[in-house]
Structure formats: structure tokens, C-alpha cells
Amino acid sequence: SPFGICRPGYPEQIRGFDAYDKLFADGRKWLREGWVDYFTPQLYWPTTKVEQSYPVLLRWWAGENARNRHLWPGNFTSRAGGAGRSDFPVSELIEQIRVTRAQEGATGNVHFSMKHFLLNKASVNDALASGPYADQALIPSSPWLNVVAPPLPVARLGIGVSARVLSLSSAGRSAAWQWYVRVRDQTGWSSTLLPGTTTAWTLPAGLDPAVISVTALNRAGVESAPVNVVMPPSRPATPAPAKRGRAHAF
């Protein structure tokens, strides 16, 4: 997580602290040589700054990522919603995330610091949960680590009295880190990310799946091949007993 400016003038409009000269840190070389699995330049400035432009610096770092490592810029989240001179509104943090997602080669954000989330200052948690972080996301895989894909999941769906329950286990000796469950019903596809310790998952009420597909994930973000769940046949409705009574002739 180096200083967000490699050197003033890189790119041309950038001004500020010279990390190469003052800290003897050649972040550009670390990234270009692929010596890191993920790279988090500290882009701690608003998108509206000119001499320390968040989108311009992010674009420059993305252009230096010759080995296609994970580029996850760092955001000064503790300044979101504050009243200090260097602080900015929560909407600016949302904009930084939007800019990151629009930049090819950048696949996430790293927030500084966790304390801001623990205190939920300026309701930043609520703004993220209802905005850019409303949906779950998979950790991008790291193919350069040469990690073997996890064993296939074993998934079965059982129908109880009042719910459908998906049982989950691993086909191999090693346990999955996470399960990724994709469900298609009449409205389309939805997905749920579950801890690998989950052995039974109750489908949400009202969800009438036509297809369920499950994959296993390991900690390097490598996903197994999908396993489709065989849907059990629907139970036929039990006919109501015939009412007894006198026969009438008409």
C-alpha cells in the first residue's frame, strides 16, 4: 500500500509528495515486476482535486499494472462525513467507488480505517449497504498463484413440511472456504454467498427455483466447476376426503 503518488509529474498534472525521493519507495517497480498479489496505492484525495486527481492517478496505476495483479486503491474512508478541512461527504466516497468500478483493471477498494465502520460515522455503513455494496461479490481469483480448484460440492435439495433445505458438503477431503449458490426462478437469477461451514441452507420463502447451481470457492478465489442440483418432484396434493351425506335426485 504505497503512497498514492509515485512521483510528481507521473502523470503530468500530478503534484505533491515525492515518495520515490523521500521514502525510497519504488511502488511503480513493485507493481510492474508483479512482486505483489494485490496493490493498494493510497488515493486519499477527492475526485474533484486536480493536482492529486483520484481518477487520473488510478488510471495511471492501472496502466503500470503490466502483470495484471489485483489493483485495489485505498480510500481515506475515515474522512467521509467529517467536518474537517480535509474531510469530504459520504457521497464523495460513493463516487470514488463508482470511479474505481469504471476503471478497467481495478477490481475493488480497500478502506482506511476499520474504526470508521465500527462507529458507523455519518451512517457510512448504511450508505454503502444500500448503495454500491448492496449485493455480494466474489473475491477475484489469483491465477498466478497456481492454486488447484477446490473439490466439487455435493448439494441436495430436500422438501420439508414448510421449507426447501439445501444440504451442502465437499466431494473431497478439503473443505470449501465458501459456497456460491445461484438460483433461477420465474423472475431470473439470484445468488447467495455462504460460509464453507454451512451444511444446510433454507431457501427464502417465496422462492420457487427452476434451477439451482452450486460452486465451491477456496481462499485464493478459485471457483470449482458448477454442480446442478436435481430438483425433487413436487408432492402431489392430497385429495380432500369426500363429504358424506344423503344423495339427492333432481
Protein backbone atom coordinates (compact mmCIF):
# COMPACT_ATOMS: atom_id res chain seq x y z
CA SER A 1 0.00 0.00 0.00
CA PRO A 2 2.38 2.72 -1.19
CA PHE A 3 1.76 6.45 -1.23
CA GLY A 4 -0.71 7.24 -4.00
CA ILE A 5 1.72 9.45 -5.93
CA CYS A 6 4.73 7.59 -7.26
CA ARG A 7 6.49 10.85 -8.20
CA PRO A 8 5.23 14.34 -9.01
CA GLY A 9 4.62 14.58 -12.74
CA TYR A 10 3.52 10.96 -13.06
CA PRO A 11 1.19 11.60 -14.79
CA GLU A 12 1.93 15.14 -15.91
CA GLN A 13 -0.72 17.10 -13.94
CA ILE A 14 0.09 15.44 -10.60
CA ARG A 15 1.81 17.44 -7.87
CA GLY A 16 2.65 16.50 -4.30
CA PHE A 17 4.91 14.41 -2.08
CA ASP A 18 7.72 12.51 -3.83
CA ALA A 19 7.61 9.01 -2.33
CA TYR A 20 10.48 7.80 -4.51
CA ASP A 21 12.83 10.58 -3.38
CA LYS A 22 11.74 10.93 0.26
CA LEU A 23 10.71 7.38 1.21
CA PHE A 24 12.98 5.48 -1.22
CA ALA A 25 9.89 3.53 -2.30
CA ASP A 26 9.65 2.50 -5.94
CA GLY A 27 6.00 1.43 -5.97
CA ARG A 28 5.89 1.55 -9.74
CA LYS A 29 8.61 -1.11 -9.98
CA TRP A 30 6.92 -3.36 -7.41
CA LEU A 31 3.77 -3.32 -9.50
CA ARG A 32 5.42 -3.66 -12.90
CA GLU A 33 7.52 -6.62 -11.74
CA GLY A 34 4.49 -8.38 -10.26
CA TRP A 35 6.09 -8.70 -6.83
CA VAL A 36 2.75 -8.28 -5.07
CA ASP A 37 -0.54 -10.17 -5.21
CA TYR A 38 -2.58 -7.04 -4.67
CA PHE A 39 -1.60 -3.40 -4.93
CA THR A 40 -3.29 -0.66 -2.91
CA PRO A 41 -1.98 2.83 -3.73
CA GLN A 42 -3.24 5.31 -1.14
CA LEU A 43 -5.53 7.50 -3.24
CA TYR A 44 -6.63 9.60 -0.30
CA TRP A 45 -7.86 12.63 -2.26
CA PRO A 46 -11.34 13.54 -3.57
CA THR A 47 -12.22 13.07 -7.22
CA THR A 48 -12.54 16.85 -7.58
CA LYS A 49 -8.86 17.54 -6.85
CA VAL A 50 -6.81 18.43 -9.92
CA GLU A 51 -3.20 18.05 -8.81
CA GLN A 52 -3.98 14.85 -6.87
CA SER A 53 -6.84 13.59 -9.04
CA TYR A 54 -8.28 10.26 -7.89
CA PRO A 55 -9.40 9.09 -11.36
CA VAL A 56 -6.23 10.29 -13.08
CA LEU A 57 -3.95 8.60 -10.57
CA LEU A 58 -6.00 5.39 -10.67
CA ARG A 59 -5.82 5.34 -14.46
CA TRP A 60 -2.05 5.81 -14.30
CA TRP A 61 -1.53 2.97 -11.80
CA ALA A 62 -3.76 0.72 -13.92
CA GLY A 63 -1.52 1.47 -16.91
CA GLU A 64 1.55 0.39 -14.91
CA ASN A 65 -0.01 -2.96 -13.95
CA ALA A 66 1.90 -4.96 -16.56
CA ARG A 67 1.48 -8.29 -14.72
CA ASN A 68 -2.27 -7.90 -14.15
CA ARG A 69 -2.12 -8.11 -10.37
CA HIS A 70 -5.09 -7.08 -8.25
CA LEU A 71 -5.38 -3.29 -8.21
CA TRP A 72 -7.47 -2.20 -5.23
CA PRO A 73 -6.95 1.51 -4.49
CA GLY A 74 -7.03 2.65 -0.88
CA ASN A 75 -9.66 5.17 0.17
CA PHE A 76 -9.45 7.50 3.18
CA THR A 77 -12.86 6.39 4.40
CA SER A 78 -12.30 7.90 7.85
CA ARG A 79 -12.65 11.33 6.24
CA ALA A 80 -16.10 10.53 4.83
CA GLY A 81 -18.79 12.58 6.52
CA GLY A 82 -16.44 14.57 8.72
CA ALA A 83 -16.40 18.32 9.27
CA GLY A 84 -12.65 18.93 8.99
CA ARG A 85 -10.96 20.84 6.20
CA SER A 86 -9.65 17.65 4.60
CA ASP A 87 -12.90 15.73 5.06
CA PHE A 88 -15.47 15.08 2.35
CA PRO A 89 -19.12 13.99 2.22
CA VAL A 90 -20.10 10.32 2.14
CA SER A 91 -21.34 10.90 -1.41
CA GLU A 92 -17.71 11.53 -2.44
CA LEU A 93 -16.73 8.08 -1.12
CA ILE A 94 -19.56 6.55 -3.16
CA GLU A 95 -18.24 8.41 -6.20
CA GLN A 96 -14.72 7.05 -5.62
CA ILE A 97 -16.10 3.51 -5.62
CA ARG A 98 -18.02 4.25 -8.83
CA VAL A 99 -14.86 5.61 -10.48
CA THR A 100 -12.94 2.51 -9.40
CA ARG A 101 -15.54 0.19 -10.91
CA ALA A 102 -15.46 2.15 -14.16
CA GLN A 103 -11.67 1.79 -14.44
CA GLU A 104 -10.59 -1.29 -16.37
CA GLY A 105 -8.09 -3.30 -14.34
CA ALA A 106 -9.30 -2.11 -10.91
CA THR A 107 -11.41 -4.71 -9.14
CA GLY A 108 -12.12 -3.36 -5.66
CA ASN A 109 -11.41 -0.84 -2.92
CA VAL A 110 -9.58 -1.01 0.41
CA HIS A 111 -10.95 1.27 3.14
CA PHE A 112 -8.93 3.04 5.82
CA SER A 113 -9.73 2.62 8.57
CA MET A 114 -11.92 -0.09 10.09
CA LYS A 115 -12.64 2.15 13.08
CA HIS A 116 -14.89 4.32 10.91
CA PHE A 117 -17.06 1.30 10.13
CA LEU A 118 -17.19 0.15 13.76
CA LEU A 119 -18.54 3.56 14.78
CA ASN A 120 -20.67 3.94 11.62
CA LYS A 121 -19.80 7.61 11.48
CA ALA A 122 -22.07 9.72 9.31
CA SER A 123 -24.05 6.50 8.66
CA VAL A 124 -21.40 5.46 6.14
CA ASN A 125 -22.28 1.78 6.63
CA ASP A 126 -25.90 2.41 5.69
CA ALA A 127 -24.94 4.41 2.61
CA LEU A 128 -22.66 1.61 1.39
CA ALA A 129 -25.06 -1.21 2.24
CA SER A 130 -27.92 0.44 0.38
CA GLY A 131 -25.70 1.63 -2.48
CA PRO A 132 -22.59 0.08 -4.07
CA TYR A 133 -22.36 -2.78 -1.54
CA ALA A 134 -26.00 -3.85 -1.71
CA ASP A 135 -25.02 -7.10 -3.47
CA GLN A 136 -22.45 -9.71 -2.51
CA ALA A 137 -19.31 -10.05 -4.58
CA LEU A 138 -16.76 -12.78 -5.18
CA ILE A 139 -13.09 -12.18 -4.45
CA PRO A 140 -11.24 -12.08 -7.80
CA SER A 141 -9.11 -15.15 -8.39
CA SER A 142 -5.30 -15.03 -8.43
CA PRO A 143 -4.30 -17.33 -11.33
CA TRP A 144 -0.57 -16.60 -10.91
CA LEU A 145 -0.62 -18.45 -7.56
CA ASN A 146 -1.25 -21.73 -9.42
CA VAL A 147 -3.77 -22.90 -6.83
CA VAL A 148 -5.77 -26.05 -7.51
CA ALA A 149 -9.52 -25.59 -7.74
CA PRO A 150 -11.48 -26.87 -4.72
CA PRO A 151 -13.30 -30.23 -4.88
CA LEU A 152 -16.78 -30.28 -6.33
CA PRO A 153 -19.61 -29.59 -3.92
CA VAL A 154 -22.21 -32.19 -3.05
CA ALA A 155 -25.59 -30.49 -2.99
CA ARG A 156 -29.02 -31.97 -2.43
CA LEU A 157 -32.36 -30.30 -2.04
CA GLY A 158 -34.93 -31.65 0.34
CA ILE A 159 -38.50 -30.51 0.73
CA GLY A 160 -39.79 -30.31 4.27
CA VAL A 161 -43.17 -29.51 5.62
CA SER A 162 -42.81 -25.78 5.26
CA ALA A 163 -39.43 -25.10 3.55
CA ARG A 164 -36.89 -26.26 1.00
CA VAL A 165 -33.48 -27.03 2.54
CA LEU A 166 -30.25 -27.31 0.53
CA SER A 167 -27.67 -29.64 2.10
CA LEU A 168 -24.01 -28.88 1.28
CA SER A 169 -20.79 -30.85 1.64
CA SER A 170 -17.49 -31.35 -0.17
CA ALA A 171 -16.78 -34.25 -2.52
CA GLY A 172 -13.10 -34.20 -1.47
CA ARG A 173 -11.13 -34.22 1.77
CA SER A 174 -10.56 -30.47 1.87
CA ALA A 175 -13.44 -28.24 2.94
CA ALA A 176 -14.58 -25.31 0.87
CA TRP A 177 -13.93 -21.78 2.10
CA GLN A 178 -17.22 -20.55 0.67
CA TRP A 179 -20.23 -21.87 -1.24
CA TYR A 180 -21.75 -19.85 -4.07
CA VAL A 181 -25.39 -20.72 -4.71
CA ARG A 182 -27.09 -19.48 -7.89
CA VAL A 183 -30.85 -19.87 -8.15
CA ARG A 184 -33.11 -19.25 -11.14
CA ASP A 185 -36.84 -18.83 -10.72
CA GLN A 186 -39.58 -17.13 -12.72
CA THR A 187 -38.05 -13.67 -12.11
CA GLY A 188 -34.48 -14.53 -13.15
CA TRP A 189 -31.22 -15.38 -11.42
CA SER A 190 -30.22 -14.57 -7.83
CA SER A 191 -27.08 -15.56 -5.95
CA THR A 192 -26.04 -16.14 -2.34
CA LEU A 193 -22.53 -16.46 -0.88
CA LEU A 194 -22.34 -18.79 2.13
CA PRO A 195 -19.52 -19.71 4.54
CA GLY A 196 -17.91 -23.09 3.85
CA THR A 197 -19.02 -24.25 7.29
CA THR A 198 -22.65 -24.13 6.13
CA THR A 199 -24.09 -27.62 5.83
CA ALA A 200 -27.75 -26.69 5.37
CA TRP A 201 -29.31 -23.59 3.85
CA THR A 202 -33.03 -22.87 3.87
CA LEU A 203 -34.23 -21.26 0.66
CA PRO A 204 -36.00 -17.93 1.23
CA ALA A 205 -39.76 -18.09 1.44
CA GLY A 206 -41.48 -17.42 -1.86
CA LEU A 207 -38.50 -18.60 -3.93
CA ASP A 208 -39.67 -21.29 -6.35
CA PRO A 209 -36.47 -22.43 -8.09
CA ALA A 210 -36.35 -23.98 -11.52
CA VAL A 211 -32.55 -24.39 -11.41
CA ILE A 212 -30.04 -24.36 -8.55
CA SER A 213 -26.30 -24.35 -9.28
CA VAL A 214 -23.59 -24.55 -6.58
CA THR A 215 -19.83 -23.96 -6.74
CA ALA A 216 -17.10 -24.17 -4.11
CA LEU A 217 -14.52 -21.41 -3.57
CA ASN A 218 -11.10 -21.50 -1.92
CA ARG A 219 -9.26 -18.61 -0.26
CA ALA A 220 -7.44 -17.72 -3.48
CA GLY A 221 -10.80 -17.01 -5.14
CA VAL A 222 -10.59 -20.08 -7.37
CA GLU A 223 -14.03 -21.50 -8.14
CA SER A 224 -14.88 -25.12 -8.75
CA ALA A 225 -16.93 -26.33 -11.67
CA PRO A 226 -20.66 -25.87 -11.06
CA VAL A 227 -22.89 -28.64 -9.79
CA ASN A 228 -26.56 -28.50 -10.72
CA VAL A 229 -28.99 -29.62 -8.07
CA VAL A 230 -31.60 -32.15 -9.11
CA MET A 231 -34.98 -30.76 -8.19
CA PRO A 232 -37.09 -33.27 -6.27
CA PRO A 233 -40.50 -33.98 -7.73
CA SER A 234 -43.31 -31.91 -6.31
CA ARG A 235 -45.55 -33.73 -3.91
CA PRO A 236 -48.98 -34.31 -5.36
CA ALA A 237 -51.72 -32.59 -3.48
CA THR A 238 -53.64 -34.93 -1.19
CA PRO A 239 -57.27 -35.04 -2.31
CA ALA A 240 -59.78 -33.89 0.27
CA PRO A 241 -61.98 -36.66 1.64
CA ALA A 242 -65.42 -36.83 0.09
CA LYS A 243 -68.17 -35.44 2.24
CA ARG A 244 -70.71 -37.94 3.37
CA GLY A 245 -74.36 -37.07 3.06
CA ARG A 246 -77.63 -38.04 1.52
CA ALA A 247 -77.90 -38.34 -2.23
CA HIS A 248 -80.38 -36.08 -3.90
CA ALA A 249 -82.14 -36.79 -7.16
CA PHE A 250 -83.10 -33.93 -9.42
